C-alpha cells in the first residue's frame, strides 16, 4: 500500500503555486525596477526644474563703472565670447563688458568691438586678454551694447588668476544702451559697492 501510494503521489501533477511563485517574484521585481526608474526620472526632472530658480540674465540700469577699476591693472583675464548662430552675420554694435566678484572688485573692458577684425560674427568665438584689478571668484558679468544690429552672444567665459572659469549663458539679444547680464553673487553688494569706490 505504501508503494502504491508513492506511485500515485508521483503521478499527481505538482502544485501550481510552485510555478506561479517564481513568476510572481520576477513580476514583482520588474514592477519594482520600473518604479525605481520612474522615481529616479522624477528626481532628475525636479532637480532640472529647480535650476530655473537661479536668476536669469537681466538688465542692471544702475551699474556704474568705477574710475578706480579702470586705472588698476595688476591681473590678466582671458574672456572668451561665443556669438550665437542666431545673431546677425556681422555687427557694428559697440560692445563693452564689466565683471567682478562678491567683494565689489570690478573689471571693465570698454569697446571690445572692432568690425575691421571681424569680431562678434555669427557662430564665432572671440578671445580677449583684459587687464584689471585682481578679483576673487567671478560671480557677476554684464554686457553693454549700443547700436542697431541686435548682436546675440551665446555665452561668455571669464578665466581669472584667483578663480575658477565662470561661464554666463545668454543666447538672447542684448538690449541696447543698458547693462545686461547676471549677478550670482550672494547679494546686491557686489555691483553696488563697486560704484561707491
Protein backbone atom coordinates (compact mmCIF):
# COMPACT_ATOMS: atom_id res chain seq x y z
CA UNK A 1 0.00 0.00 0.00
CA UNK A 2 2.83 2.29 0.74
CA UNK A 3 4.37 1.60 -2.60
CA UNK A 4 1.14 2.28 -4.47
CA UNK A 5 0.67 5.49 -2.59
CA UNK A 6 4.12 6.54 -3.60
CA UNK A 7 3.33 5.74 -7.21
CA UNK A 8 0.09 7.64 -7.02
CA UNK A 9 1.78 10.64 -5.46
CA UNK A 10 4.36 10.71 -8.19
CA UNK A 11 1.61 10.82 -10.82
CA UNK A 12 -0.15 13.78 -9.21
CA UNK A 13 0.82 16.96 -11.04
CA UNK A 14 2.94 19.37 -8.99
CA UNK A 15 1.23 22.16 -7.18
CA UNK A 16 0.52 25.18 -9.47
CA UNK A 17 1.71 27.60 -6.82
CA UNK A 18 5.23 26.24 -7.29
CA UNK A 19 5.20 27.53 -10.88
CA UNK A 20 3.44 30.78 -10.04
CA UNK A 21 5.81 31.74 -7.23
CA UNK A 22 8.88 32.33 -9.41
CA UNK A 23 6.73 34.14 -12.00
CA UNK A 24 5.18 36.33 -9.32
CA UNK A 25 8.61 37.07 -7.87
CA UNK A 26 10.02 38.11 -11.25
CA UNK A 27 6.91 40.20 -11.96
CA UNK A 28 7.33 41.94 -8.60
CA UNK A 29 11.00 42.62 -9.35
CA UNK A 30 10.08 44.02 -12.76
CA UNK A 31 7.48 46.33 -11.22
CA UNK A 32 9.95 47.44 -8.54
CA UNK A 33 12.62 48.18 -11.16
CA UNK A 34 10.17 50.28 -13.16
CA UNK A 35 9.02 52.16 -10.08
CA UNK A 36 12.61 52.90 -9.10
CA UNK A 37 13.33 54.07 -12.65
CA UNK A 38 10.28 56.37 -12.56
CA UNK A 39 11.33 57.70 -9.17
CA UNK A 40 14.84 58.48 -10.43
CA UNK A 41 13.39 60.09 -13.55
CA UNK A 42 11.08 62.23 -11.41
CA UNK A 43 14.01 63.31 -9.20
CA UNK A 44 16.10 64.26 -12.22
CA UNK A 45 13.20 66.19 -13.72
CA UNK A 46 12.52 68.00 -10.44
CA UNK A 47 16.17 68.93 -9.98
CA UNK A 48 16.35 70.20 -13.56
CA UNK A 49 13.26 72.29 -12.97
CA UNK A 50 14.64 73.66 -9.72
CA UNK A 51 17.65 75.09 -11.54
CA UNK A 52 15.35 77.54 -13.31
CA UNK A 53 15.02 79.37 -9.96
CA UNK A 54 18.58 80.67 -10.44
CA UNK A 55 18.40 84.29 -11.59
CA UNK A 56 18.47 84.66 -15.33
CA UNK A 57 20.07 87.46 -17.32
CA UNK A 58 18.51 90.79 -16.55
CA UNK A 59 19.12 94.49 -17.01
CA UNK A 60 21.12 96.44 -14.45
CA UNK A 61 20.30 100.10 -15.11
CA UNK A 62 22.22 101.35 -12.06
CA UNK A 63 25.54 99.62 -12.76
CA UNK A 64 28.28 102.24 -12.63
CA UNK A 65 31.87 101.83 -13.62
CA UNK A 66 34.35 102.95 -11.00
CA UNK A 67 37.33 105.03 -12.17
CA UNK A 68 39.48 103.05 -9.76
CA UNK A 69 38.84 99.82 -11.65
CA UNK A 70 39.87 101.38 -14.95
CA UNK A 71 43.21 102.59 -13.62
CA UNK A 72 44.31 99.42 -11.79
CA UNK A 73 45.93 96.80 -13.97
CA UNK A 74 47.54 94.10 -11.89
CA UNK A 75 45.90 90.88 -13.15
CA UNK A 76 45.23 89.44 -16.56
CA UNK A 77 41.93 87.81 -17.51
CA UNK A 78 41.03 85.79 -20.56
CA UNK A 79 37.49 86.39 -21.74
CA UNK A 80 36.00 84.08 -24.36
CA UNK A 81 32.81 85.29 -26.03
CA UNK A 82 30.87 82.98 -28.32
CA UNK A 83 28.39 84.67 -30.63
CA UNK A 84 25.13 82.84 -31.24
CA UNK A 85 24.43 81.42 -34.67
CA UNK A 86 21.08 83.27 -34.38
CA UNK A 87 22.93 86.59 -34.34
CA UNK A 88 23.35 88.81 -37.38
CA UNK A 89 26.13 87.77 -39.76
CA UNK A 90 28.32 90.61 -38.51
CA UNK A 91 27.72 93.56 -36.23
CA UNK A 92 28.70 97.19 -35.99
CA UNK A 93 27.35 97.35 -32.44
CA UNK A 94 29.69 98.65 -29.74
CA UNK A 95 30.14 96.02 -27.02
CA UNK A 96 31.52 96.65 -23.52
CA UNK A 97 31.93 94.26 -20.63
CA UNK A 98 32.01 94.51 -16.82
CA UNK A 99 32.52 91.63 -14.41
CA UNK A 100 33.58 91.15 -10.83
CA UNK A 101 33.41 89.33 -7.54
CA UNK A 102 31.25 89.42 -4.41
CA UNK A 103 33.60 91.93 -2.75
CA UNK A 104 32.88 94.67 -5.26
CA UNK A 105 36.13 94.33 -7.21
CA UNK A 106 35.22 95.12 -10.79
CA UNK A 107 36.93 94.74 -14.15
CA UNK A 108 35.74 96.94 -17.01
CA UNK A 109 36.55 96.46 -20.68
CA UNK A 110 35.13 99.17 -22.95
CA UNK A 111 34.55 98.74 -26.68
CA UNK A 112 35.62 95.17 -27.33
CA UNK A 113 34.18 95.51 -30.83
CA UNK A 114 36.29 96.04 -33.92
CA UNK A 115 34.42 95.46 -37.18
CA UNK A 116 37.70 95.53 -39.11
CA UNK A 117 38.90 92.42 -37.25
CA UNK A 118 35.56 90.62 -37.75
CA UNK A 119 34.78 90.13 -34.06
CA UNK A 120 31.33 89.05 -32.95
CA UNK A 121 30.36 87.49 -36.27
CA UNK A 122 27.60 84.89 -36.22
CA UNK A 123 28.75 81.46 -34.91
CA UNK A 124 32.19 82.83 -33.99
CA UNK A 125 34.35 82.61 -30.87
CA UNK A 126 36.41 85.64 -29.87
CA UNK A 127 39.09 85.68 -27.16
CA UNK A 128 40.22 88.83 -25.36
CA UNK A 129 43.07 89.46 -22.90
CA UNK A 130 41.86 92.01 -20.38
CA UNK A 131 43.87 93.64 -17.59
CA UNK A 132 42.26 94.79 -14.40
CA UNK A 133 42.32 94.57 -10.62
CA UNK A 134 42.76 91.08 -9.19
CA UNK A 135 39.47 89.51 -8.16
CA UNK A 136 38.23 86.54 -6.22
CA UNK A 137 35.69 84.18 -7.80
CA UNK A 138 33.89 85.96 -10.63
CA UNK A 139 30.16 85.94 -9.85
CA UNK A 140 28.66 88.68 -11.98
CA UNK A 141 29.01 89.76 -15.58
CA UNK A 142 27.22 92.40 -17.63
CA UNK A 143 27.41 93.34 -21.29
CA UNK A 144 26.62 96.76 -22.72
CA UNK A 145 25.58 97.07 -26.35
CA UNK A 146 24.96 100.23 -28.33
CA UNK A 147 23.94 100.10 -31.96
CA UNK A 148 21.19 98.80 -34.20
CA UNK A 149 22.31 95.33 -35.30
CA UNK A 150 20.97 93.44 -32.28
CA UNK A 151 24.02 91.29 -31.52
CA UNK A 152 23.25 87.98 -29.72
CA UNK A 153 26.00 86.45 -27.57
CA UNK A 154 25.74 82.72 -26.88
CA UNK A 155 27.90 82.71 -23.76
CA UNK A 156 30.79 84.48 -22.06
CA UNK A 157 33.51 82.67 -20.07
CA UNK A 158 35.98 84.51 -17.84
CA UNK A 159 39.26 82.87 -16.81
CA UNK A 160 40.99 84.59 -13.90
CA UNK A 161 44.02 84.03 -11.71
CA UNK A 162 42.23 83.54 -8.38
CA UNK A 163 39.01 81.97 -9.64
CA UNK A 164 37.58 79.02 -11.48
CA UNK A 165 36.33 79.72 -15.01
CA UNK A 166 32.93 81.41 -14.83
CA UNK A 167 30.53 80.94 -17.74
CA UNK A 168 27.43 83.07 -18.25
CA UNK A 169 24.87 81.85 -20.79
CA UNK A 170 22.89 84.39 -22.80
CA UNK A 171 21.62 83.24 -26.22
CA UNK A 172 19.26 86.23 -26.29
CA UNK A 173 19.53 89.64 -27.88
CA UNK A 174 21.25 92.08 -25.51
CA UNK A 175 19.05 95.19 -25.18
CA UNK A 176 20.61 98.42 -26.42
CA UNK A 177 22.05 101.08 -24.13
CA UNK A 178 21.73 99.21 -20.82
CA UNK A 179 23.96 96.87 -18.82
CA UNK A 180 22.51 93.38 -19.24
CA UNK A 181 23.67 90.17 -17.62
CA UNK A 182 23.93 88.09 -14.49
CA UNK A 183 24.62 88.52 -10.81
CA UNK A 184 25.21 85.24 -8.97
CA UNK A 185 26.93 86.92 -6.04
CA UNK A 186 25.49 86.48 -2.56
CA UNK A 187 23.92 89.92 -2.52
CA UNK A 188 23.44 93.20 -4.30
CA UNK A 189 26.54 94.49 -2.51
CA UNK A 190 28.82 93.23 -5.28
CA UNK A 191 27.87 95.59 -8.07
CA UNK A 192 26.66 98.49 -5.96
CA UNK A 193 29.84 98.71 -3.88
CA UNK A 194 31.96 98.95 -7.00
CA UNK A 195 30.20 102.16 -7.86
CA UNK A 196 30.94 103.74 -4.49
CA UNK A 197 34.71 103.20 -4.51
